[in-house]
C-alpha cells in the first residue's frame, strides 16, 4: 500500500462506526520507524568511515556480526 492509499483510507473512516482510540501505539510505531531510519543512516555512515579509514570487510563484518561477504553486499557502493 502506498502512502497516498493509506491517507485516503484514513479519510474514509466513519467516526460513527470507528470510535476514537488512544493513538499511543500508532505514535510509538512512528517513533520506532524513525529511530530505525536514523540508526540505519548512522550505521551506513559508520561503515563508510571504517572503509575510508582502511578497515577491511572482514573487520566490518565482524563488527556487524555477519560475514565479510554479507557486509560487502549490503554496504558496498
Protein backbone atom coordinates (compact mmCIF):
# COMPACT_ATOMS: atom_id res chain seq x y z
CA UNK A 1 0.00 0.00 0.00
CA UNK A 2 1.35 3.39 -0.95
CA UNK A 3 1.27 6.33 1.43
CA UNK A 4 -1.48 8.09 -0.61
CA UNK A 5 -3.67 4.98 -0.38
CA UNK A 6 -3.15 4.84 3.38
CA UNK A 7 -4.02 8.53 3.71
CA UNK A 8 -7.19 8.03 1.66
CA UNK A 9 -8.09 5.08 3.89
CA UNK A 10 -7.98 7.27 6.97
CA UNK A 11 -10.23 9.85 5.29
CA UNK A 12 -12.75 7.13 4.51
CA UNK A 13 -13.17 6.08 8.15
CA UNK A 14 -16.57 6.90 9.60
CA UNK A 15 -16.20 8.10 13.22
CA UNK A 16 -19.66 6.73 13.99
CA UNK A 17 -18.52 3.22 13.06
CA UNK A 18 -14.93 3.52 14.27
CA UNK A 19 -14.81 5.10 17.71
CA UNK A 20 -11.76 7.14 18.64
CA UNK A 21 -8.97 5.32 20.40
CA UNK A 22 -5.81 6.43 22.09
CA UNK A 23 -3.16 6.84 19.39
CA UNK A 24 -0.27 5.94 21.70
CA UNK A 25 0.51 2.71 19.83
CA UNK A 26 0.34 4.50 16.48
CA UNK A 27 2.74 7.20 17.69
CA UNK A 28 5.05 4.57 19.16
CA UNK A 29 5.25 2.78 15.82
CA UNK A 30 6.07 6.05 14.03
CA UNK A 31 8.76 6.88 16.57
CA UNK A 32 10.29 3.41 16.27
CA UNK A 33 10.27 3.60 12.46
CA UNK A 34 12.01 6.97 12.56
CA UNK A 35 14.53 5.55 15.02
CA UNK A 36 15.27 2.70 12.62
CA UNK A 37 15.79 5.15 9.77
CA UNK A 38 18.20 7.20 11.88
CA UNK A 39 20.05 4.09 13.08
CA UNK A 40 20.37 2.81 9.50
CA UNK A 41 21.79 6.15 8.36
CA UNK A 42 24.28 6.15 11.27
CA UNK A 43 25.28 2.54 10.52
CA UNK A 44 25.87 3.36 6.84
CA UNK A 45 27.96 6.39 7.83
CA UNK A 46 29.98 4.33 10.31
CA UNK A 47 30.69 1.63 7.73
CA UNK A 48 31.68 4.24 5.14
CA UNK A 49 34.02 5.88 7.67
CA UNK A 50 35.55 2.50 8.52
CA UNK A 51 36.17 1.78 4.84
CA UNK A 52 37.69 5.24 4.33
CA UNK A 53 39.95 4.58 7.33
CA UNK A 54 41.14 1.38 5.65
CA UNK A 55 39.22 -1.23 7.62
CA UNK A 56 38.64 -4.47 5.74
CA UNK A 57 35.26 -6.00 5.00
CA UNK A 58 36.32 -8.84 7.33
CA UNK A 59 36.68 -6.41 10.26
CA UNK A 60 33.44 -4.63 9.37
CA UNK A 61 31.63 -7.96 9.04
CA UNK A 62 32.88 -8.97 12.48
CA UNK A 63 31.60 -5.70 13.96
CA UNK A 64 28.23 -6.35 12.32
CA UNK A 65 28.22 -10.00 13.48
CA UNK A 66 27.98 -11.15 9.89
CA UNK A 67 30.26 -12.43 7.16
CA UNK A 68 32.63 -10.32 5.11
CA UNK A 69 30.57 -11.10 2.04
CA UNK A 70 27.27 -10.12 3.64
CA UNK A 71 28.72 -6.83 4.89
CA UNK A 72 30.18 -6.02 1.49
CA UNK A 73 26.95 -6.88 -0.34
CA UNK A 74 24.92 -4.67 1.98
CA UNK A 75 27.19 -1.65 2.24
CA UNK A 76 29.48 -1.56 -0.82
CA UNK A 77 28.65 1.19 -3.29
